[in-house]
Amino acid sequence: MSARLYFFIGVGALLFVPVYKTITHLPPFMGILLGLGIMWW
């Protein structure tokens, strides 16, 4: 994958953290770990 795609996935994961916290009521670090897991996959 290109570096630009990784950048946009990373920014999208960071912006998704508040949404994830609101929906699941879990701590924000869980959303960050989910974003990292998606990027790692």
PDB file of N, CA and C in Angstrom:
ATOM      1  N   MET A   1       0.828  -1.187   0.000  1.00  0.00           N
ATOM      2  CA  MET A   1       0.000   0.000   0.000  1.00  0.00           C
ATOM      3  C   MET A   1       0.874   1.253   0.000  1.00  0.00           C
ATOM      4  N   SER A   2       0.278   2.313  -0.430  1.00  0.00           N
ATOM      5  CA  SER A   2       1.050   3.550  -0.500  1.00  0.00           C
ATOM      6  C   SER A   2       1.036   4.258   0.853  1.00  0.00           C
ATOM      7  N   ALA A   3       1.987   5.144   1.034  1.00  0.00           N
ATOM      8  CA  ALA A   3       2.094   5.907   2.283  1.00  0.00           C
ATOM      9  C   ALA A   3       0.887   6.815   2.465  1.00  0.00           C
ATOM     10  N   ARG A   4       0.347   7.325   1.384  1.00  0.00           N
ATOM     11  CA  ARG A   4      -0.819   8.213   1.470  1.00  0.00           C
ATOM     12  C   ARG A   4      -2.035   7.455   2.018  1.00  0.00           C
ATOM     13  N   LEU A   5      -2.213   6.213   1.599  1.00  0.00           N
ATOM     14  CA  LEU A   5      -3.332   5.418   2.090  1.00  0.00           C
ATOM     15  C   LEU A   5      -3.177   5.135   3.579  1.00  0.00           C
ATOM     16  N   TYR A   6      -1.970   4.784   4.030  1.00  0.00           N
ATOM     17  CA  TYR A   6      -1.723   4.571   5.450  1.00  0.00           C
ATOM     18  C   TYR A   6      -1.998   5.838   6.251  1.00  0.00           C
ATOM     19  N   PHE A   7      -1.626   6.974   5.712  1.00  0.00           N
ATOM     20  CA  PHE A   7      -1.872   8.243   6.387  1.00  0.00           C
ATOM     21  C   PHE A   7      -3.359   8.469   6.588  1.00  0.00           C
ATOM     22  N   PHE A   8      -4.156   8.281   5.548  1.00  0.00           N
ATOM     23  CA  PHE A   8      -5.589   8.528   5.663  1.00  0.00           C
ATOM     24  C   PHE A   8      -6.280   7.496   6.544  1.00  0.00           C
ATOM     25  N   ILE A   9      -5.818   6.258   6.532  1.00  0.00           N
ATOM     26  CA  ILE A   9      -6.376   5.261   7.446  1.00  0.00           C
ATOM     27  C   ILE A   9      -6.054   5.634   8.891  1.00  0.00           C
ATOM     28  N   GLY A  10      -4.844   6.103   9.145  1.00  0.00           N
ATOM     29  CA  GLY A  10      -4.452   6.505  10.493  1.00  0.00           C
ATOM     30  C   GLY A  10      -5.243   7.700  10.990  1.00  0.00           C
ATOM     31  N   VAL A  11      -5.415   8.700  10.156  1.00  0.00           N
ATOM     32  CA  VAL A  11      -6.194   9.879  10.544  1.00  0.00           C
ATOM     33  C   VAL A  11      -7.654   9.481  10.757  1.00  0.00           C
ATOM     34  N   GLY A  12      -8.163   8.625   9.905  1.00  0.00           N
ATOM     35  CA  GLY A  12      -9.541   8.151  10.074  1.00  0.00           C
ATOM     36  C   GLY A  12      -9.725   7.378  11.368  1.00  0.00           C
ATOM     37  N   ALA A  13      -8.725   6.568  11.733  1.00  0.00           N
ATOM     38  CA  ALA A  13      -8.796   5.822  12.988  1.00  0.00           C
ATOM     39  C   ALA A  13      -8.787   6.765  14.180  1.00  0.00           C
ATOM     40  N   LEU A  14      -7.976   7.831  14.119  1.00  0.00           N
ATOM     41  CA  LEU A  14      -7.947   8.802  15.219  1.00  0.00           C
ATOM     42  C   LEU A  14      -9.276   9.552  15.330  1.00  0.00           C
ATOM     43  N   LEU A  15      -9.876   9.879  14.214  1.00  0.00           N
ATOM     44  CA  LEU A  15     -11.153  10.577  14.241  1.00  0.00           C
ATOM     45  C   LEU A  15     -12.295   9.652  14.664  1.00  0.00           C
ATOM     46  N   PHE A  16     -12.119   8.342  14.512  1.00  0.00           N
ATOM     47  CA  PHE A  16     -13.142   7.368  14.859  1.00  0.00           C
ATOM     48  C   PHE A  16     -13.195   7.090  16.362  1.00  0.00           C
ATOM     49  N   VAL A  17     -12.130   7.431  17.095  1.00  0.00           N
ATOM     50  CA  VAL A  17     -12.051   7.118  18.532  1.00  0.00           C
ATOM     51  C   VAL A  17     -13.222   7.717  19.323  1.00  0.00           C
ATOM     52  N   PRO A  18     -13.561   9.001  19.181  1.00  0.00           N
ATOM     53  CA  PRO A  18     -14.710   9.513  19.950  1.00  0.00           C
ATOM     54  C   PRO A  18     -16.029   8.826  19.586  1.00  0.00           C
ATOM     55  N   VAL A  19     -16.193   8.483  18.313  1.00  0.00           N
ATOM     56  CA  VAL A  19     -17.404   7.775  17.883  1.00  0.00           C
ATOM     57  C   VAL A  19     -17.459   6.402  18.542  1.00  0.00           C
ATOM     58  N   TYR A  20     -16.328   5.703  18.545  1.00  0.00           N
ATOM     59  CA  TYR A  20     -16.236   4.375  19.159  1.00  0.00           C
ATOM     60  C   TYR A  20     -16.567   4.452  20.645  1.00  0.00           C
ATOM     61  N   LYS A  21     -16.032   5.470  21.334  1.00  0.00           N
ATOM     62  CA  LYS A  21     -16.293   5.622  22.768  1.00  0.00           C
ATOM     63  C   LYS A  21     -17.765   5.903  23.022  1.00  0.00           C
ATOM     64  N   THR A  22     -18.390   6.725  22.203  1.00  0.00           N
ATOM     65  CA  THR A  22     -19.802   7.051  22.380  1.00  0.00           C
ATOM     66  C   THR A  22     -20.687   5.822  22.158  1.00  0.00           C
ATOM     67  N   ILE A  23     -20.347   5.015  21.168  1.00  0.00           N
ATOM     68  CA  ILE A  23     -21.176   3.852  20.838  1.00  0.00           C
ATOM     69  C   ILE A  23     -20.992   2.736  21.866  1.00  0.00           C
ATOM     70  N   THR A  24     -19.754   2.434  22.243  1.00  0.00           N
ATOM     71  CA  THR A  24     -19.482   1.263  23.082  1.00  0.00           C
ATOM     72  C   THR A  24     -19.329   1.586  24.560  1.00  0.00           C
ATOM     73  N   HIS A  25     -19.104   2.849  24.927  1.00  0.00           N
ATOM     74  CA  HIS A  25     -18.863   3.271  26.312  1.00  0.00           C
ATOM     75  C   HIS A  25     -17.620   2.596  26.906  1.00  0.00           C
ATOM     76  N   LEU A  26     -16.673   2.267  26.061  1.00  0.00           N
ATOM     77  CA  LEU A  26     -15.387   1.720  26.504  1.00  0.00           C
ATOM     78  C   LEU A  26     -14.369   2.858  26.566  1.00  0.00           C
ATOM     79  N   PRO A  27     -13.236   2.644  27.248  1.00  0.00           N
ATOM     80  CA  PRO A  27     -12.214   3.691  27.316  1.00  0.00           C
ATOM     81  C   PRO A  27     -11.660   4.024  25.927  1.00  0.00           C
ATOM     82  N   PRO A  28     -11.191   5.260  25.738  1.00  0.00           N
ATOM     83  CA  PRO A  28     -10.699   5.676  24.421  1.00  0.00           C
ATOM     84  C   PRO A  28      -9.513   4.850  23.922  1.00  0.00           C
ATOM     85  N   PHE A  29      -8.675   4.329  24.839  1.00  0.00           N
ATOM     86  CA  PHE A  29      -7.519   3.568  24.356  1.00  0.00           C
ATOM     87  C   PHE A  29      -7.942   2.305  23.623  1.00  0.00           C
ATOM     88  N   MET A  30      -9.149   1.801  23.893  1.00  0.00           N
ATOM     89  CA  MET A  30      -9.633   0.629  23.159  1.00  0.00           C
ATOM     90  C   MET A  30      -9.884   0.982  21.690  1.00  0.00           C
ATOM     91  N   GLY A  31     -10.398   2.183  21.445  1.00  0.00           N
ATOM     92  CA  GLY A  31     -10.600   2.632  20.067  1.00  0.00           C
ATOM     93  C   GLY A  31      -9.285   2.838  19.348  1.00  0.00           C
ATOM     94  N   ILE A  32      -8.286   3.353  20.078  1.00  0.00           N
ATOM     95  CA  ILE A  32      -6.959   3.542  19.489  1.00  0.00           C
ATOM     96  C   ILE A  32      -6.349   2.188  19.131  1.00  0.00           C
ATOM     97  N   LEU A  33      -6.490   1.219  20.029  1.00  0.00           N
ATOM     98  CA  LEU A  33      -5.964  -0.120  19.749  1.00  0.00           C
ATOM     99  C   LEU A  33      -6.692  -0.773  18.580  1.00  0.00           C
ATOM    100  N   LEU A  34      -7.989  -0.528  18.464  1.00  0.00           N
ATOM    101  CA  LEU A  34      -8.729  -1.047  17.317  1.00  0.00           C
ATOM    102  C   LEU A  34      -8.202  -0.448  16.014  1.00  0.00           C
ATOM    103  N   GLY A  35      -7.962   0.863  16.022  1.00  0.00           N
ATOM    104  CA  GLY A  35      -7.392   1.509  14.829  1.00  0.00           C
ATOM    105  C   GLY A  35      -6.022   0.979  14.478  1.00  0.00           C
ATOM    106  N   LEU A  36      -5.182   0.758  15.493  1.00  0.00           N
ATOM    107  CA  LEU A  36      -3.861   0.176  15.231  1.00  0.00           C
ATOM    108  C   LEU A  36      -3.962  -1.241  14.701  1.00  0.00           C
ATOM    109  N   GLY A  37      -4.918  -1.992  15.233  1.00  0.00           N
ATOM    110  CA  GLY A  37      -5.120  -3.359  14.728  1.00  0.00           C
ATOM    111  C   GLY A  37      -5.551  -3.386  13.284  1.00  0.00           C
ATOM    112  N   ILE A  38      -6.400  -2.447  12.908  1.00  0.00           N
ATOM    113  CA  ILE A  38      -6.835  -2.368  11.509  1.00  0.00           C
ATOM    114  C   ILE A  38      -5.671  -1.982  10.612  1.00  0.00           C
ATOM    115  N   MET A  39      -4.837  -1.056  11.079  1.00  0.00           N
ATOM    116  CA  MET A  39      -3.665  -0.656  10.277  1.00  0.00           C
ATOM    117  C   MET A  39      -2.650  -1.785  10.177  1.00  0.00           C
ATOM    118  N   TRP A  40      -2.528  -2.561  11.227  1.00  0.00           N
ATOM    119  CA  TRP A  40      -1.537  -3.647  11.238  1.00  0.00           C
ATOM    120  C   TRP A  40      -1.960  -4.769  10.313  1.00  0.00           C
ATOM    121  N   TRP A  41      -3.277  -5.000  10.194  1.00  0.00           N
ATOM    122  CA  TRP A  41      -3.805  -6.069   9.379  1.00  0.00           C
ATOM    123  C   TRP A  41      -3.527  -5.751   7.940  1.00  0.00           C
TER     124      TRP A  41
END
